Protein backbone atom coordinates (compact mmCIF):
# COMPACT_ATOMS: atom_id res chain seq x y z
CA UNK A 1 133.33 161.66 87.93
CA UNK A 2 131.21 158.83 89.48
CA UNK A 3 127.64 159.37 88.25
CA UNK A 4 124.82 157.08 89.54
CA UNK A 5 123.28 155.02 86.55
CA UNK A 6 119.68 155.29 87.99
CA UNK A 7 118.44 157.98 85.62
CA UNK A 8 119.15 160.77 83.16
CA UNK A 9 122.32 162.96 83.91
CA UNK A 10 121.35 166.11 85.77
CA UNK A 11 122.88 169.30 85.01
CA UNK A 12 124.02 169.79 88.56
CA UNK A 13 126.14 166.68 88.17
CA UNK A 14 127.49 167.68 84.57
CA UNK A 15 128.55 171.16 86.32
CA UNK A 16 130.34 169.19 89.08
CA UNK A 17 132.32 166.99 86.61
CA UNK A 18 132.80 170.16 84.39
CA UNK A 19 134.84 171.50 87.18
CA UNK A 20 136.70 168.33 87.42
CA UNK A 21 137.34 168.51 83.57
CA UNK A 22 138.38 172.10 83.60
CA UNK A 23 140.96 171.59 86.64
CA UNK A 24 142.25 168.42 85.01
CA UNK A 25 142.66 169.96 81.46
CA UNK A 26 144.38 173.06 82.68
CA UNK A 27 147.20 171.38 84.67
CA UNK A 28 147.87 168.30 82.27
CA UNK A 29 146.05 166.20 84.32
CA UNK A 30 143.84 163.01 83.69
CA UNK A 31 139.83 162.94 84.02
CA UNK A 32 138.37 159.80 84.75
CA UNK A 33 134.68 158.69 84.21
CA UNK A 34 133.52 155.86 86.59
CA UNK A 35 129.83 154.64 86.79
CA UNK A 36 128.72 154.30 90.50
CA UNK A 37 127.09 151.04 90.25
CA UNK A 38 127.19 149.64 93.69
CA UNK A 39 123.31 150.09 94.22
CA UNK A 40 122.44 147.38 91.49
CA UNK A 41 118.86 147.44 92.46
CA UNK A 42 118.23 150.94 91.01
CA UNK A 43 120.55 150.92 87.87
CA UNK A 44 118.98 151.78 84.63
CA UNK A 45 121.05 150.26 81.68
CA UNK A 46 119.99 153.15 79.31
CA UNK A 47 121.48 155.76 81.78
CA UNK A 48 125.04 154.66 81.00
CA UNK A 49 124.54 155.48 77.56
CA UNK A 50 122.62 158.66 78.04
CA UNK A 51 125.60 159.83 80.61
CA UNK A 52 128.35 159.24 78.02
CA UNK A 53 126.28 160.85 75.06
CA UNK A 54 125.43 163.95 77.20
CA UNK A 55 128.94 164.65 78.02
CA UNK A 56 130.29 164.04 74.63
CA UNK A 57 127.53 166.44 73.03
CA UNK A 58 128.62 168.95 75.53
CA UNK A 59 132.43 168.59 74.67
CA UNK A 60 133.45 167.01 77.84
CA UNK A 61 135.83 163.88 77.35
CA UNK A 62 137.63 161.89 79.70
CA UNK A 63 140.73 159.59 79.75
CA UNK A 64 140.72 155.98 79.31
CA UNK A 65 137.75 153.73 79.14
CA UNK A 66 134.65 154.19 81.15
CA UNK A 67 134.91 152.13 84.39
CA UNK A 68 132.19 150.63 86.77
CA UNK A 69 133.03 150.47 90.33
CA UNK A 70 131.81 147.03 90.66
CA UNK A 71 134.47 146.01 88.21
CA UNK A 72 136.78 145.91 91.06
CA UNK A 73 134.48 144.02 93.49
CA UNK A 74 136.92 141.19 93.90
CA UNK A 75 139.74 143.55 94.74
CA UNK A 76 137.50 145.39 97.20
CA UNK A 77 136.74 141.87 99.11
CA UNK A 78 140.43 141.19 99.05
CA UNK A 79 141.23 144.47 100.72
CA UNK A 80 138.49 144.21 103.13
CA UNK A 81 139.51 140.66 104.08
CA UNK A 82 143.16 142.13 104.70
CA UNK A 83 141.83 145.10 106.81
CA UNK A 84 139.91 142.33 108.99
CA UNK A 85 143.33 140.19 109.28
CA UNK A 86 144.79 143.53 110.46
CA UNK A 87 142.29 144.17 113.02
CA UNK A 88 141.09 147.46 110.95
CA UNK A 89 137.79 145.96 110.03
CA UNK A 90 135.36 143.09 111.37
CA UNK A 91 132.75 140.74 110.06
CA UNK A 92 129.16 141.29 111.08
CA UNK A 93 126.62 139.12 110.02
CA UNK A 94 128.22 138.23 106.73
CA UNK A 95 129.24 141.83 106.07
CA UNK A 96 132.49 143.41 106.84
CA UNK A 97 132.76 146.79 108.81
CA UNK A 98 135.50 149.19 109.44
CA UNK A 99 136.45 149.98 113.05
CA UNK A 100 135.89 153.94 113.63
CA UNK A 101 137.75 155.62 116.27
CA UNK A 102 135.47 156.92 119.11
CA UNK A 103 137.64 159.85 120.27
CA UNK A 104 139.18 162.78 118.41
CA UNK A 105 138.26 164.11 115.11
CA UNK A 106 138.56 163.54 111.52
CA UNK A 107 139.29 166.55 109.23
CA UNK A 108 140.62 167.86 106.05
CA UNK A 109 141.54 171.18 104.56
CA UNK A 110 138.90 171.45 101.67
CA UNK A 111 139.96 173.36 98.63
CA UNK A 112 136.60 175.35 98.62
CA UNK A 113 135.28 175.25 101.79
CA UNK A 114 138.37 175.64 104.05
CA UNK A 115 139.01 173.43 107.02
CA UNK A 116 136.38 170.89 107.97
CA UNK A 117 136.39 168.57 111.00
CA UNK A 118 133.80 165.80 112.06
CA UNK A 119 133.95 164.33 115.80
CA UNK A 120 134.85 160.74 115.29
CA UNK A 121 132.06 159.67 117.88
CA UNK A 122 129.77 160.60 114.96
CA UNK A 123 131.19 158.04 112.57
CA UNK A 124 129.51 154.68 112.75
CA UNK A 125 131.46 151.68 111.91
CA UNK A 126 130.79 151.79 108.13
CA UNK A 127 129.94 148.52 106.10
CA UNK A 128 132.78 147.86 103.50
CA UNK A 129 131.36 144.95 101.89
CA UNK A 130 127.76 143.69 102.08
CA UNK A 131 126.84 140.07 102.85
CA UNK A 132 126.14 139.59 99.30
CA UNK A 133 129.83 140.62 98.47
CA UNK A 134 129.32 143.97 96.99
CA UNK A 135 131.26 146.88 98.21
CA UNK A 136 129.42 149.99 99.38
CA UNK A 137 130.10 153.27 97.63
CA UNK A 138 132.10 154.68 100.72
CA UNK A 139 134.47 151.78 100.40
CA UNK A 140 134.57 151.32 96.39
CA UNK A 141 135.04 155.00 95.89
CA UNK A 142 138.01 155.67 97.95
CA UNK A 143 139.60 152.47 96.97
CA UNK A 144 139.52 153.46 93.33
CA UNK A 145 140.71 156.71 94.23
CA UNK A 146 143.95 155.00 95.73
CA UNK A 147 144.07 152.51 92.76
CA UNK A 148 143.95 155.21 89.99
CA UNK A 149 146.18 157.82 91.93
CA UNK A 150 143.45 160.26 92.14
CA UNK A 151 144.90 163.66 93.24
CA UNK A 152 141.89 165.72 93.41
CA UNK A 153 138.14 164.88 94.19
CA UNK A 154 135.81 167.77 93.13
CA UNK A 155 132.29 166.85 94.18
CA UNK A 156 128.81 168.28 95.22
CA UNK A 157 128.37 169.67 98.85
CA UNK A 158 126.18 166.68 99.74
CA UNK A 159 129.29 164.60 99.61
CA UNK A 160 130.65 166.33 102.77
CA UNK A 161 129.18 163.86 105.17
CA UNK A 162 131.04 161.05 103.17
CA UNK A 163 134.53 162.49 103.11
CA UNK A 164 135.42 161.76 106.71
CA UNK A 165 134.32 158.02 106.23
CA UNK A 166 136.38 157.91 102.96
CA UNK A 167 139.65 159.40 104.79
CA UNK A 168 139.27 156.67 107.34
CA UNK A 169 139.06 154.08 104.75
CA UNK A 170 142.03 155.41 102.74
CA UNK A 171 144.01 155.51 106.18
CA UNK A 172 143.09 151.99 107.04
CA UNK A 173 144.18 150.87 103.47
CA UNK A 174 147.52 152.75 103.94
CA UNK A 175 146.85 155.58 101.31
CA UNK A 176 147.12 159.20 101.41
CA UNK A 177 143.75 161.09 100.90
CA UNK A 178 143.33 163.18 97.78
CA UNK A 179 142.72 166.73 97.82
CA UNK A 180 138.96 167.31 98.25
CA UNK A 181 136.91 170.24 97.06
CA UNK A 182 133.23 170.31 97.71
CA UNK A 183 131.47 172.76 95.61
CA UNK A 184 128.01 174.21 96.06
CA UNK A 185 124.81 172.97 95.13
CA UNK A 186 122.72 174.20 92.30
CA UNK A 187 119.53 175.75 93.03
CA UNK A 188 116.48 177.25 91.02
CA UNK A 189 115.77 180.89 91.27
CA UNK A 190 113.42 180.02 94.11
CA UNK A 191 116.23 179.13 96.21
CA UNK A 192 115.22 175.51 96.38
CA UNK A 193 117.35 172.57 94.72
CA UNK A 194 117.09 172.28 91.21
CA UNK A 195 114.41 169.91 90.02
CA UNK A 196 111.81 169.03 87.38
CA UNK A 197 109.52 171.79 88.69
CA UNK A 198 112.00 174.48 87.33
CA UNK A 199 111.99 173.25 83.80
CA UNK A 200 114.67 171.20 81.96
CA UNK A 201 117.23 169.52 84.07
CA UNK A 202 118.94 166.78 81.60
CA UNK A 203 121.31 167.56 78.94
CA UNK A 204 118.96 165.76 76.71
CA UNK A 205 116.31 168.24 77.63
CA UNK A 206 118.44 171.25 76.87
CA UNK A 207 119.58 169.92 73.45
CA UNK A 208 115.89 169.44 72.53
CA UNK A 209 115.00 172.79 73.48
CA UNK A 210 117.85 174.02 71.04
CA UNK A 211 120.51 175.09 73.31
CA UNK A 212 123.95 174.85 71.68
CA UNK A 213 127.01 173.04 73.64
CA UNK A 214 129.44 176.00 73.82
CA UNK A 215 126.82 178.34 75.30
CA UNK A 216 125.67 175.63 77.76
CA UNK A 217 129.16 174.80 78.86
CA UNK A 218 130.00 178.47 79.30
CA UNK A 219 126.75 178.79 81.36
CA UNK A 220 127.43 175.78 83.58
CA UNK A 221 131.13 176.76 84.25
CA UNK A 222 129.72 179.89 85.88
CA UNK A 223 127.37 177.74 88.22
CA UNK A 224 129.52 178.48 91.55
CA UNK A 225 132.77 179.89 89.86
CA UNK A 226 133.71 183.27 88.20
CA UNK A 227 136.89 184.49 86.31
CA UNK A 228 136.20 188.00 87.69
CA UNK A 229 133.21 190.33 88.43
CA UNK A 230 132.48 191.12 85.04
CA UNK A 231 133.57 188.34 82.30
CA UNK A 232 130.65 186.32 81.28
CA UNK A 233 131.17 185.10 77.82
CA UNK A 234 134.21 182.49 77.65
CA UNK A 235 135.16 180.05 74.87
CA UNK A 236 136.01 176.50 76.10
CA UNK A 237 139.90 177.16 75.86
CA UNK A 238 139.31 180.49 78.11
CA UNK A 239 137.68 178.30 80.56
CA UNK A 240 140.30 175.66 80.81
CA UNK A 241 143.03 178.34 81.19
CA UNK A 242 141.32 180.67 83.93
CA UNK A 243 139.51 177.79 86.05
CA UNK A 244 140.98 177.81 89.56
CA UNK A 245 139.40 176.37 92.85
CA UNK A 246 140.08 179.60 94.50
CA UNK A 247 137.32 181.23 92.59
CA UNK A 248 134.79 178.74 93.54
CA UNK A 249 132.25 180.10 95.92
CA UNK A 250 130.79 178.36 98.75
CA UNK A 251 127.06 179.73 98.63
CA UNK A 252 124.48 177.66 96.35
CA UNK A 253 124.72 178.48 92.51
CA UNK A 254 121.49 179.77 91.04
CA UNK A 255 120.43 178.28 87.81
CA UNK A 256 118.85 181.30 85.91
CA UNK A 257 117.11 180.05 82.88
CA UNK A 258 116.89 183.46 81.37
CA UNK A 259 120.56 183.97 81.56
CA UNK A 260 121.08 180.72 79.90
CA UNK A 261 118.74 181.98 76.97
CA UNK A 262 120.39 185.18 76.67
CA UNK A 263 123.90 183.33 76.56
CA UNK A 264 122.64 181.01 74.05
CA UNK A 265 121.42 183.87 71.95
CA UNK A 266 124.88 185.45 72.27
CA UNK A 267 126.48 182.46 70.88
CA UNK A 268 123.91 182.04 68.05
CA UNK A 269 124.44 185.49 66.90
CA UNK A 270 128.32 184.92 67.20
CA UNK A 271 128.25 181.86 64.63
CA UNK A 272 129.84 182.56 61.24
CA UNK A 273 127.29 182.47 58.37
CA UNK A 274 127.89 179.15 57.21
CA UNK A 275 127.85 177.64 60.75
CA UNK A 276 124.40 178.74 61.73
CA UNK A 277 122.49 177.33 59.02
CA UNK A 278 124.48 174.11 59.20
CA UNK A 279 123.64 174.10 62.96
CA UNK A 280 120.01 174.85 62.50
CA UNK A 281 119.51 172.17 59.75
CA UNK A 282 121.24 169.58 61.94
CA UNK A 283 119.04 170.53 64.86
CA UNK A 284 115.72 170.47 62.85
CA UNK A 285 116.66 167.07 61.45
CA UNK A 286 117.56 165.56 64.81
CA UNK A 287 114.12 166.72 65.96
CA UNK A 288 112.22 164.81 62.85
CA UNK A 289 111.68 167.91 61.00
CA UNK A 290 111.59 167.27 57.38
CA UNK A 291 111.19 170.70 55.92
CA UNK A 292 113.03 171.72 52.73
CA UNK A 293 116.81 172.29 53.44
CA UNK A 294 117.21 175.08 50.87
CA UNK A 295 114.56 177.09 52.52
CA UNK A 296 115.66 176.54 55.99
CA UNK A 297 119.08 177.73 54.94
CA UNK A 298 117.70 180.86 53.08
CA UNK A 299 115.53 181.49 56.25
CA UNK A 300 118.45 181.46 58.66
CA UNK A 301 119.95 184.84 58.19
CA UNK A 302 116.58 186.26 59.00
CA UNK A 303 116.39 184.46 62.31
CA UNK A 304 120.06 184.47 63.58
CA UNK A 305 119.82 187.85 65.39
CA UNK A 306 116.35 187.42 66.61
CA UNK A 307 116.31 183.80 68.24
CA UNK A 308 117.67 182.71 71.62
CA UNK A 309 117.35 179.06 70.95
CA UNK A 310 117.14 176.99 67.72
CA UNK A 311 114.07 175.42 69.19
CA UNK A 312 112.19 178.69 68.63
CA UNK A 313 112.69 178.66 64.79
CA UNK A 314 109.85 176.39 64.08
CA UNK A 315 107.32 178.96 65.81
CA UNK A 316 109.16 181.91 64.44
CA UNK A 317 109.77 180.83 60.83
CA UNK A 318 107.09 177.91 60.65
CA UNK A 319 104.84 180.17 58.02
CA UNK A 320 107.72 179.50 55.47
CA UNK A 321 106.83 175.70 55.31
CA UNK A 322 103.08 175.59 55.85
CA UNK A 323 99.68 177.36 55.82
CA UNK A 324 98.87 179.87 58.14
CA UNK A 325 95.66 181.14 60.14
CA UNK A 326 95.80 184.63 60.85
CA UNK A 327 93.67 186.10 63.46
CA UNK A 328 90.59 187.97 62.40
CA UNK A 329 90.83 190.68 64.84
CA UNK A 330 94.33 191.51 63.65
CA UNK A 331 92.97 192.10 60.21
CA UNK A 332 89.88 194.02 60.68
CA UNK A 333 89.39 197.04 58.60
CA UNK A 334 92.61 196.21 56.54
CA UNK A 335 90.84 194.82 53.48
CA UNK A 336 91.77 197.98 51.36
CA UNK A 337 95.35 197.70 52.27
CA UNK A 338 95.75 193.92 51.50
CA UNK A 339 94.10 194.41 48.12
CA UNK A 340 96.44 197.48 47.17
CA UNK A 341 99.60 195.54 48.54
CA UNK A 342 98.34 192.23 46.34
CA UNK A 343 97.98 194.46 43.23
CA UNK A 344 101.27 196.14 43.83
CA UNK A 345 103.36 193.15 44.43
CA UNK A 346 101.84 191.67 41.07
CA UNK A 347 103.96 194.19 39.31
CA UNK A 348 107.27 193.74 41.16
CA UNK A 349 110.07 192.34 38.99
CA UNK A 350 112.30 190.84 40.06
CA UNK A 351 110.40 189.68 43.12
CA UNK A 352 113.11 190.42 45.59
CA UNK A 353 113.18 192.09 49.06
CA UNK A 354 114.20 195.60 47.74
CA UNK A 355 111.53 195.64 45.14
CA UNK A 356 108.82 194.38 47.59
CA UNK A 357 109.86 197.19 50.33
CA UNK A 358 109.41 199.74 47.47
CA UNK A 359 106.09 198.45 46.51
CA UNK A 360 104.87 198.49 49.92
CA UNK A 361 106.03 201.76 50.94
CA UNK A 362 104.35 203.11 47.79
CA UNK A 363 100.97 201.59 49.01
CA UNK A 364 101.58 203.44 52.34
CA UNK A 365 102.08 206.84 50.73
CA UNK A 366 99.29 206.28 48.21
CA UNK A 367 96.89 205.57 50.89
CA UNK A 368 98.24 208.17 53.44
CA UNK A 369 99.31 205.57 56.02
CA UNK A 370 102.31 205.14 58.31
CA UNK A 371 104.24 202.02 57.49
CA UNK A 372 103.80 200.70 61.01
CA UNK A 373 99.93 200.83 60.49
CA UNK A 374 100.00 199.42 57.19
CA UNK A 375 102.77 196.80 57.62
CA UNK A 376 101.26 195.04 60.74
CA UNK A 377 98.09 193.59 58.89
CA UNK A 378 100.41 192.48 56.00
CA UNK A 379 102.74 190.84 58.33
CA UNK A 380 99.74 189.00 59.95
CA UNK A 381 98.12 187.98 56.63
CA UNK A 382 101.57 186.64 55.11
CA UNK A 383 102.98 185.05 58.26
CA UNK A 384 100.10 184.54 60.57
CA UNK A 385 101.83 186.55 63.41
CA UNK A 386 102.54 190.09 64.54
CA UNK A 387 106.31 188.92 65.17
CA UNK A 388 108.18 187.67 62.43
CA UNK A 389 111.24 187.81 60.37
CA UNK A 390 111.87 190.90 58.23
CA UNK A 391 108.69 191.36 56.24
CA UNK A 392 110.34 192.09 52.85
CA UNK A 393 112.70 189.00 53.19
CA UNK A 394 109.90 186.99 54.26
CA UNK A 395 107.92 187.84 51.46
CA UNK A 396 110.78 187.10 48.85
CA UNK A 397 111.15 183.79 50.63
CA UNK A 398 107.43 183.09 50.37
CA UNK A 399 107.31 183.71 46.54
CA UNK A 400 104.85 185.80 44.66
CA UNK A 401 102.25 183.17 44.37
CA UNK A 402 102.04 182.08 47.75
CA UNK A 403 102.12 185.76 49.06
CA UNK A 404 99.27 186.91 46.81
CA UNK A 405 97.21 183.77 47.78
CA UNK A 406 97.67 184.60 51.52
CA UNK A 407 96.86 188.27 50.78
CA UNK A 408 93.72 187.46 48.94
CA UNK A 409 92.86 185.01 51.66
CA UNK A 410 93.34 187.54 54.42
CA UNK A 411 91.45 190.12 52.35
CA UNK A 412 88.33 188.01 52.47
CA UNK A 413 88.55 187.53 56.17
CA UNK A 414 89.14 191.10 56.73
CA UNK A 415 85.79 192.28 54.88
């Protein structure tokens, strides 16, 4: 992978590196991370750190140190001068250009797209080294492929036009080209190339929204590849074992945010009882939340089955950590119910979910109300919302004093 350090790492680029990683790891190969920094005018220093941090968080590793294409600038200049001496390249206003043939075609058997050929008359004499001594991407990249012994280059569709140029460069250098596999681009659900208008597009944003790495890794692997027509949920090890280039499609992949939310929910619900609260606490601390850890852990089991992302926890369970302001319209006419419930909860001992449930149902029976009728205003009074974790468990976590205070405040608002 050779990401450009000009901004945050895009999920489309991550998906493509993931394909490289899966292919290499499944075959005992090595996966290299280079930074494509030949365009120094656009480089953003923070991006290099973000690229590595994002990949590490997702669970993608690489072999050896991170390298930069300009690290081999001296070797590139040396090889370019050799090509000039051999007549395969020439100097042009201080730059060095390769001689491209005028007739015939340059082609390759793409591991995804099949046979691709470009008429040589369409290939201009490519600049290898600029007048300031910096190699261009289309020289530095194939040069490094040769020097590093790269066997497979899996990259996005937008690189197809670069490939015949790089094949010609490798031929001039006396090197065999690697196997090229050009994978489909990633589009939004509107059929347009993925961009900020579709929502989050960098791994940092998905991390901040509360997606977990195994779910995102699983989802990204399915963008343009499938194991079969029915299997969706796959672990990292299963993906490594099952990934093949033969199952990569040629049509653009669709980044479906709703499918990602669903899949993330599957992974959250599948976490072990101890893993989920640990993950939730770590996420909230990372987001700067200082809520009481013991209460977060107590609330975690109430939320695990209901939340699709960790980022939904503050809105869903925030009533446990601060005051609420229930809407008056949801409490209209509920004054008597709230008063009766408050009186019943005064006597519950011990103050636990089972006793709370028994008290609330006895109030319903006494007032001749169906639970749904009575529980909704109670829920709004206690949690501030019509949607919340389990009502009885929530009341237990809030405690008697806080619950009664909220019921009494809501009773006043309802009358």
